[in-house]
Amino acid sequence: MKVILLQDVKSLGKRGDVKEVADGYARNYLIAKGFAQPASKGNLNILDHEIKMRMSKEAQLIDDAEHLAKKVEGKTFVIPAKAGEAGKLFGSVTTADIAAVLSQQGYDVDKRKIEIPVPIKALGMFEAVLKLHSKVSAKIQLDVRDE
């Protein structure tokens, strides 16, 4: 029996895959537990439509990420921080601090998408990477200055 997987099933396949399985396995386990549905003509048409919609959304997300990456690539952002003598910071600059500065400048970037290669614990110039999408990233410069 052919089934369409509604979610990932270990050792069988991923969500959206069409698989040929034994009739009993399909009826008594996969369909009964809600892991799959029969691969009828109507269900296959719905699956094709969902795949097209998902690909369209993915393309739009990549396009938006590339557009934002072009805007911020190579720019320098000033990060104000409290520092003591010899330029050592009280604490460190976090991804939340960087996201706040980016937001003030009009760039909406989630703090979880910002990567700092080395901890920023002193004044000076640093580099950060914005992972805007799995296929799109941008490097920015951070100028950490004393408040």
N, C-alpha and C. Protein backbone atom coordinates (compact mmCIF):
# COMPACT_ATOMS: atom_id res chain seq x y z
N MET A 1 0.85 -1.18 0.00
CA MET A 1 0.00 0.00 0.00
C MET A 1 0.89 1.24 0.00
N LYS A 2 0.53 2.23 -0.80
CA LYS A 2 1.27 3.48 -0.82
C LYS A 2 0.67 4.44 0.19
N VAL A 3 1.57 5.08 0.96
CA VAL A 3 1.13 6.06 1.96
C VAL A 3 1.96 7.33 1.82
N ILE A 4 1.39 8.43 2.28
CA ILE A 4 2.09 9.71 2.36
C ILE A 4 2.40 9.95 3.83
N LEU A 5 3.66 10.12 4.15
CA LEU A 5 4.05 10.34 5.55
C LEU A 5 3.68 11.75 5.98
N LEU A 6 2.99 11.85 7.10
CA LEU A 6 2.58 13.15 7.65
C LEU A 6 3.61 13.72 8.61
N GLN A 7 4.54 12.87 9.05
CA GLN A 7 5.64 13.31 9.89
C GLN A 7 6.80 12.34 9.71
N ASP A 8 7.96 12.70 10.21
CA ASP A 8 9.13 11.84 10.09
C ASP A 8 8.90 10.53 10.84
N VAL A 9 9.21 9.42 10.17
CA VAL A 9 9.11 8.11 10.80
C VAL A 9 10.49 7.46 10.70
N LYS A 10 11.04 7.13 11.86
CA LYS A 10 12.39 6.56 11.91
C LYS A 10 12.46 5.30 11.06
N SER A 11 13.49 5.19 10.29
CA SER A 11 13.80 4.06 9.41
C SER A 11 12.82 3.89 8.25
N LEU A 12 11.92 4.89 8.04
CA LEU A 12 11.00 4.80 6.90
C LEU A 12 11.16 5.99 5.98
N GLY A 13 11.08 7.19 6.53
CA GLY A 13 11.22 8.37 5.68
C GLY A 13 10.85 9.65 6.39
N LYS A 14 10.92 10.73 5.63
CA LYS A 14 10.63 12.06 6.18
C LYS A 14 9.22 12.49 5.79
N ARG A 15 8.76 13.55 6.44
CA ARG A 15 7.44 14.11 6.18
C ARG A 15 7.30 14.46 4.70
N GLY A 16 6.19 14.06 4.11
CA GLY A 16 5.92 14.35 2.72
C GLY A 16 6.38 13.27 1.76
N ASP A 17 7.15 12.30 2.23
CA ASP A 17 7.59 11.21 1.36
C ASP A 17 6.42 10.28 1.04
N VAL A 18 6.41 9.72 -0.16
CA VAL A 18 5.44 8.71 -0.55
C VAL A 18 6.18 7.38 -0.53
N LYS A 19 5.68 6.45 0.30
CA LYS A 19 6.37 5.17 0.49
C LYS A 19 5.41 4.01 0.24
N GLU A 20 5.96 2.92 -0.23
CA GLU A 20 5.23 1.66 -0.40
C GLU A 20 5.53 0.80 0.83
N VAL A 21 4.49 0.47 1.59
CA VAL A 21 4.66 -0.33 2.80
C VAL A 21 3.64 -1.47 2.80
N ALA A 22 3.82 -2.41 3.71
CA ALA A 22 2.88 -3.52 3.84
C ALA A 22 1.52 -2.99 4.28
N ASP A 23 0.45 -3.65 3.80
CA ASP A 23 -0.91 -3.21 4.10
C ASP A 23 -1.18 -3.14 5.60
N GLY A 24 -0.79 -4.18 6.32
CA GLY A 24 -1.04 -4.22 7.76
C GLY A 24 -0.27 -3.14 8.51
N TYR A 25 0.97 -2.92 8.12
CA TYR A 25 1.79 -1.87 8.74
C TYR A 25 1.16 -0.51 8.51
N ALA A 26 0.64 -0.29 7.30
CA ALA A 26 0.02 0.99 6.97
C ALA A 26 -1.27 1.17 7.78
N ARG A 27 -2.18 0.19 7.73
CA ARG A 27 -3.48 0.34 8.39
C ARG A 27 -3.38 0.32 9.90
N ASN A 28 -2.61 -0.63 10.44
CA ASN A 28 -2.61 -0.85 11.89
C ASN A 28 -1.66 0.07 12.66
N TYR A 29 -0.66 0.61 11.98
CA TYR A 29 0.29 1.44 12.71
C TYR A 29 0.35 2.86 12.15
N LEU A 30 0.78 3.00 10.90
CA LEU A 30 1.03 4.34 10.36
C LEU A 30 -0.22 5.20 10.31
N ILE A 31 -1.29 4.68 9.73
CA ILE A 31 -2.52 5.47 9.60
C ILE A 31 -3.22 5.59 10.95
N ALA A 32 -3.24 4.50 11.72
CA ALA A 32 -3.90 4.50 13.03
C ALA A 32 -3.26 5.50 13.99
N LYS A 33 -1.93 5.63 13.95
CA LYS A 33 -1.22 6.55 14.85
C LYS A 33 -1.15 7.97 14.28
N GLY A 34 -1.61 8.17 13.04
CA GLY A 34 -1.59 9.50 12.44
C GLY A 34 -0.25 9.86 11.83
N PHE A 35 0.59 8.86 11.59
CA PHE A 35 1.89 9.11 10.97
C PHE A 35 1.80 9.21 9.46
N ALA A 36 0.71 8.67 8.87
CA ALA A 36 0.60 8.65 7.42
C ALA A 36 -0.86 8.69 7.01
N GLN A 37 -1.07 8.89 5.73
CA GLN A 37 -2.41 8.81 5.15
C GLN A 37 -2.30 8.06 3.82
N PRO A 38 -3.38 7.45 3.37
CA PRO A 38 -3.32 6.71 2.10
C PRO A 38 -2.94 7.64 0.94
N ALA A 39 -2.19 7.11 -0.01
CA ALA A 39 -1.73 7.91 -1.14
C ALA A 39 -2.75 7.86 -2.27
N SER A 40 -3.93 8.42 -2.01
CA SER A 40 -4.95 8.49 -3.05
C SER A 40 -4.63 9.64 -4.00
N LYS A 41 -5.35 9.68 -5.12
CA LYS A 41 -5.10 10.72 -6.12
C LYS A 41 -5.32 12.12 -5.51
N GLY A 42 -6.38 12.27 -4.73
CA GLY A 42 -6.67 13.56 -4.09
C GLY A 42 -5.60 13.96 -3.09
N ASN A 43 -5.16 13.00 -2.28
CA ASN A 43 -4.12 13.29 -1.29
C ASN A 43 -2.79 13.62 -1.95
N LEU A 44 -2.49 12.96 -3.07
CA LEU A 44 -1.25 13.28 -3.80
C LEU A 44 -1.31 14.68 -4.40
N ASN A 45 -2.49 15.10 -4.88
CA ASN A 45 -2.64 16.46 -5.40
C ASN A 45 -2.45 17.49 -4.29
N ILE A 46 -3.01 17.21 -3.12
CA ILE A 46 -2.83 18.11 -1.98
C ILE A 46 -1.36 18.18 -1.60
N LEU A 47 -0.66 17.04 -1.60
CA LEU A 47 0.77 17.00 -1.28
C LEU A 47 1.56 17.84 -2.28
N ASP A 48 1.27 17.70 -3.57
CA ASP A 48 1.96 18.51 -4.60
C ASP A 48 1.75 19.99 -4.36
N HIS A 49 0.53 20.37 -4.02
CA HIS A 49 0.23 21.78 -3.75
C HIS A 49 1.01 22.27 -2.53
N GLU A 50 1.04 21.47 -1.47
CA GLU A 50 1.78 21.86 -0.27
C GLU A 50 3.27 22.00 -0.55
N ILE A 51 3.82 21.11 -1.36
CA ILE A 51 5.25 21.18 -1.70
C ILE A 51 5.53 22.45 -2.48
N LYS A 52 4.68 22.80 -3.43
CA LYS A 52 4.85 24.03 -4.20
C LYS A 52 4.77 25.25 -3.31
N MET A 53 3.83 25.26 -2.37
CA MET A 53 3.68 26.39 -1.45
C MET A 53 4.91 26.51 -0.54
N ARG A 54 5.40 25.36 -0.05
CA ARG A 54 6.58 25.36 0.81
C ARG A 54 7.81 25.87 0.07
N MET A 55 7.96 25.45 -1.18
CA MET A 55 9.10 25.91 -1.99
C MET A 55 8.99 27.41 -2.27
N SER A 56 7.78 27.88 -2.50
CA SER A 56 7.56 29.31 -2.74
C SER A 56 7.92 30.13 -1.49
N LYS A 57 7.48 29.66 -0.32
CA LYS A 57 7.81 30.35 0.93
C LYS A 57 9.31 30.35 1.18
N GLU A 58 9.94 29.20 0.92
CA GLU A 58 11.39 29.08 1.12
C GLU A 58 12.14 30.04 0.21
N ALA A 59 11.71 30.14 -1.05
CA ALA A 59 12.34 31.06 -1.99
C ALA A 59 12.18 32.50 -1.53
N GLN A 60 11.01 32.84 -1.00
CA GLN A 60 10.78 34.20 -0.50
C GLN A 60 11.66 34.49 0.72
N LEU A 61 11.80 33.51 1.62
CA LEU A 61 12.66 33.70 2.79
C LEU A 61 14.11 33.91 2.38
N ILE A 62 14.58 33.13 1.42
CA ILE A 62 15.96 33.28 0.94
C ILE A 62 16.14 34.63 0.28
N ASP A 63 15.16 35.07 -0.50
CA ASP A 63 15.23 36.37 -1.17
C ASP A 63 15.29 37.50 -0.14
N ASP A 64 14.45 37.44 0.88
CA ASP A 64 14.46 38.46 1.94
C ASP A 64 15.79 38.47 2.68
N ALA A 65 16.32 37.27 2.98
CA ALA A 65 17.60 37.18 3.68
C ALA A 65 18.74 37.75 2.83
N GLU A 66 18.74 37.47 1.54
CA GLU A 66 19.78 38.00 0.65
C GLU A 66 19.69 39.53 0.57
N HIS A 67 18.47 40.03 0.53
CA HIS A 67 18.28 41.49 0.47
C HIS A 67 18.83 42.16 1.73
N LEU A 68 18.53 41.59 2.89
CA LEU A 68 19.04 42.14 4.15
C LEU A 68 20.56 41.99 4.23
N ALA A 69 21.08 40.87 3.74
CA ALA A 69 22.53 40.65 3.77
C ALA A 69 23.26 41.70 2.93
N LYS A 70 22.71 42.06 1.78
CA LYS A 70 23.32 43.08 0.93
C LYS A 70 23.33 44.44 1.63
N LYS A 71 22.27 44.71 2.42
CA LYS A 71 22.19 45.99 3.12
C LYS A 71 23.24 46.11 4.23
N VAL A 72 23.45 45.05 4.98
CA VAL A 72 24.33 45.13 6.16
C VAL A 72 25.75 44.66 5.92
N GLU A 73 26.00 43.96 4.84
CA GLU A 73 27.33 43.39 4.57
C GLU A 73 28.41 44.46 4.63
N GLY A 74 29.39 44.26 5.51
CA GLY A 74 30.54 45.15 5.60
C GLY A 74 30.30 46.44 6.38
N LYS A 75 29.09 46.69 6.85
CA LYS A 75 28.82 47.91 7.61
C LYS A 75 29.42 47.79 9.01
N THR A 76 29.69 48.95 9.59
CA THR A 76 30.21 49.01 10.95
C THR A 76 29.13 49.57 11.86
N PHE A 77 28.88 48.89 12.96
CA PHE A 77 27.88 49.30 13.93
C PHE A 77 28.57 49.62 15.24
N VAL A 78 28.20 50.75 15.84
CA VAL A 78 28.79 51.18 17.10
C VAL A 78 27.99 50.59 18.25
N ILE A 79 28.70 49.91 19.13
CA ILE A 79 28.09 49.29 20.30
C ILE A 79 28.58 50.02 21.54
N PRO A 80 27.69 50.74 22.24
CA PRO A 80 28.12 51.41 23.47
C PRO A 80 28.18 50.42 24.63
N ALA A 81 29.23 50.49 25.42
CA ALA A 81 29.39 49.59 26.56
C ALA A 81 30.15 50.30 27.67
N LYS A 82 29.88 49.91 28.90
CA LYS A 82 30.60 50.48 30.03
C LYS A 82 31.93 49.77 30.17
N ALA A 83 32.99 50.58 30.29
CA ALA A 83 34.33 50.01 30.38
C ALA A 83 35.08 50.64 31.54
N GLY A 84 35.99 49.87 32.07
CA GLY A 84 36.84 50.35 33.14
C GLY A 84 38.17 50.82 32.57
N GLU A 85 39.15 50.85 33.43
CA GLU A 85 40.47 51.26 32.99
C GLU A 85 41.05 50.23 32.03
N ALA A 86 41.91 50.66 31.17
CA ALA A 86 42.58 49.83 30.17
C ALA A 86 41.62 49.23 29.15
N GLY A 87 40.42 49.79 29.05
CA GLY A 87 39.49 49.37 28.02
C GLY A 87 38.80 48.03 28.25
N LYS A 88 38.84 47.54 29.46
CA LYS A 88 38.18 46.27 29.75
C LYS A 88 36.72 46.53 30.12
N LEU A 89 35.82 45.75 29.52
CA LEU A 89 34.39 45.96 29.74
C LEU A 89 33.93 45.37 31.07
N PHE A 90 32.88 45.99 31.63
CA PHE A 90 32.18 45.42 32.78
C PHE A 90 31.18 44.43 32.20
N GLY A 91 31.51 43.17 32.16
CA GLY A 91 30.66 42.18 31.51
C GLY A 91 31.17 41.95 30.10
N SER A 92 30.26 41.71 29.17
CA SER A 92 30.65 41.51 27.78
C SER A 92 29.52 41.95 26.87
N VAL A 93 29.83 42.10 25.60
CA VAL A 93 28.82 42.45 24.61
C VAL A 93 28.17 41.14 24.16
N THR A 94 26.84 41.08 24.26
CA THR A 94 26.12 39.86 23.91
C THR A 94 25.40 40.02 22.57
N THR A 95 24.87 38.92 22.09
CA THR A 95 24.12 38.98 20.84
C THR A 95 22.86 39.83 21.00
N ALA A 96 22.30 39.87 22.21
CA ALA A 96 21.13 40.72 22.46
C ALA A 96 21.50 42.19 22.31
N ASP A 97 22.68 42.59 22.78
CA ASP A 97 23.14 43.97 22.62
C ASP A 97 23.29 44.32 21.14
N ILE A 98 23.86 43.40 20.38
CA ILE A 98 24.06 43.63 18.95
C ILE A 98 22.71 43.71 18.24
N ALA A 99 21.77 42.83 18.59
CA ALA A 99 20.44 42.84 17.98
C ALA A 99 19.72 44.15 18.29
N ALA A 100 19.91 44.69 19.51
CA ALA A 100 19.28 45.96 19.88
C ALA A 100 19.82 47.10 19.02
N VAL A 101 21.13 47.14 18.80
CA VAL A 101 21.74 48.19 17.98
C VAL A 101 21.27 48.05 16.53
N LEU A 102 21.22 46.83 16.02
CA LEU A 102 20.74 46.60 14.66
C LEU A 102 19.29 47.04 14.52
N SER A 103 18.49 46.76 15.53
CA SER A 103 17.08 47.15 15.52
C SER A 103 16.92 48.67 15.51
N GLN A 104 17.77 49.38 16.28
CA GLN A 104 17.74 50.84 16.29
C GLN A 104 18.06 51.42 14.92
N GLN A 105 18.88 50.72 14.15
CA GLN A 105 19.28 51.19 12.83
C GLN A 105 18.30 50.73 11.75
N GLY A 106 17.26 49.99 12.15
CA GLY A 106 16.25 49.58 11.19
C GLY A 106 16.43 48.20 10.60
N TYR A 107 17.33 47.39 11.14
CA TYR A 107 17.56 46.03 10.65
C TYR A 107 17.03 45.06 11.69
N ASP A 108 15.98 44.34 11.36
CA ASP A 108 15.36 43.42 12.30
C ASP A 108 16.03 42.05 12.19
N VAL A 109 16.92 41.76 13.14
CA VAL A 109 17.65 40.49 13.15
C VAL A 109 17.49 39.87 14.54
N ASP A 110 17.08 38.62 14.57
CA ASP A 110 16.91 37.90 15.82
C ASP A 110 18.28 37.63 16.45
N LYS A 111 18.37 37.76 17.77
CA LYS A 111 19.66 37.57 18.45
C LYS A 111 20.21 36.16 18.27
N ARG A 112 19.35 35.18 18.02
CA ARG A 112 19.82 33.80 17.83
C ARG A 112 20.50 33.61 16.48
N LYS A 113 20.34 34.59 15.59
CA LYS A 113 20.96 34.49 14.26
C LYS A 113 22.30 35.21 14.20
N ILE A 114 22.75 35.73 15.33
CA ILE A 114 24.02 36.46 15.38
C ILE A 114 25.06 35.56 16.03
N GLU A 115 26.21 35.44 15.37
CA GLU A 115 27.30 34.64 15.92
C GLU A 115 28.51 35.53 16.14
N ILE A 116 29.09 35.42 17.33
CA ILE A 116 30.30 36.16 17.66
C ILE A 116 31.42 35.13 17.81
N PRO A 117 32.43 35.19 16.93
CA PRO A 117 33.50 34.18 16.98
C PRO A 117 34.27 34.15 18.30
N VAL A 118 34.55 35.33 18.86
CA VAL A 118 35.26 35.41 20.14
C VAL A 118 34.45 36.29 21.09
N PRO A 119 34.46 36.00 22.39
CA PRO A 119 33.72 36.84 23.32
C PRO A 119 34.26 38.28 23.30
N ILE A 120 33.36 39.23 23.31
CA ILE A 120 33.75 40.64 23.26
C ILE A 120 33.77 41.16 24.69
N LYS A 121 35.00 41.34 25.23
CA LYS A 121 35.16 41.77 26.61
C LYS A 121 36.06 42.99 26.74
N ALA A 122 36.31 43.65 25.59
CA ALA A 122 37.17 44.84 25.60
C ALA A 122 36.68 45.80 24.53
N LEU A 123 37.15 47.03 24.63
CA LEU A 123 36.83 48.02 23.60
C LEU A 123 37.61 47.69 22.33
N GLY A 124 37.06 48.12 21.19
CA GLY A 124 37.79 47.91 19.93
C GLY A 124 36.87 47.44 18.81
N MET A 125 37.50 46.99 17.73
CA MET A 125 36.78 46.52 16.55
C MET A 125 36.69 44.99 16.58
N PHE A 126 35.51 44.50 16.31
CA PHE A 126 35.27 43.06 16.28
C PHE A 126 34.41 42.72 15.07
N GLU A 127 34.36 41.45 14.74
CA GLU A 127 33.55 40.99 13.62
C GLU A 127 32.47 40.04 14.14
N ALA A 128 31.28 40.13 13.53
CA ALA A 128 30.19 39.22 13.86
C ALA A 128 29.60 38.70 12.55
N VAL A 129 29.00 37.54 12.62
CA VAL A 129 28.38 36.93 11.45
C VAL A 129 26.88 36.82 11.70
N LEU A 130 26.09 37.31 10.74
CA LEU A 130 24.65 37.18 10.81
C LEU A 130 24.25 35.99 9.96
N LYS A 131 23.72 34.96 10.58
CA LYS A 131 23.23 33.77 9.86
C LYS A 131 21.75 33.99 9.58
N LEU A 132 21.46 34.70 8.50
CA LEU A 132 20.10 35.10 8.19
C LEU A 132 19.25 33.94 7.68
N HIS A 133 19.89 32.97 7.08
CA HIS A 133 19.22 31.76 6.57
C HIS A 133 20.30 30.70 6.48
N SER A 134 19.90 29.46 6.35
CA SER A 134 20.91 28.40 6.27
C SER A 134 21.82 28.57 5.06
N LYS A 135 21.35 29.29 4.03
CA LYS A 135 22.14 29.51 2.82
C LYS A 135 22.67 30.93 2.70
N VAL A 136 22.30 31.82 3.63
CA VAL A 136 22.67 33.23 3.53
C VAL A 136 23.26 33.72 4.85
N SER A 137 24.46 34.32 4.77
CA SER A 137 25.07 34.94 5.95
C SER A 137 25.75 36.23 5.53
N ALA A 138 25.98 37.10 6.51
CA ALA A 138 26.62 38.38 6.24
C ALA A 138 27.56 38.70 7.39
N LYS A 139 28.71 39.30 7.07
CA LYS A 139 29.67 39.71 8.09
C LYS A 139 29.50 41.20 8.33
N ILE A 140 29.49 41.57 9.62
CA ILE A 140 29.42 42.98 9.99
C ILE A 140 30.59 43.28 10.95
N GLN A 141 30.91 44.56 11.01
CA GLN A 141 31.96 45.03 11.93
C GLN A 141 31.29 45.67 13.13
N LEU A 142 31.85 45.45 14.31
CA LEU A 142 31.33 46.03 15.54
C LEU A 142 32.41 46.92 16.15
N ASP A 143 32.07 48.17 16.37
CA ASP A 143 32.98 49.10 17.00
C ASP A 143 32.49 49.31 18.43
N VAL A 144 33.12 48.63 19.39
CA VAL A 144 32.72 48.71 20.78
C VAL A 144 33.41 49.93 21.40
N ARG A 145 32.57 50.89 21.85
CA ARG A 145 33.08 52.14 22.41
C ARG A 145 32.57 52.33 23.83
N ASP A 146 33.34 53.10 24.60
CA ASP A 146 32.95 53.41 25.98
C ASP A 146 31.77 54.38 25.96
N GLU A 147 30.81 54.15 26.85
CA GLU A 147 29.64 55.04 26.94
C GLU A 147 30.07 56.37 27.38
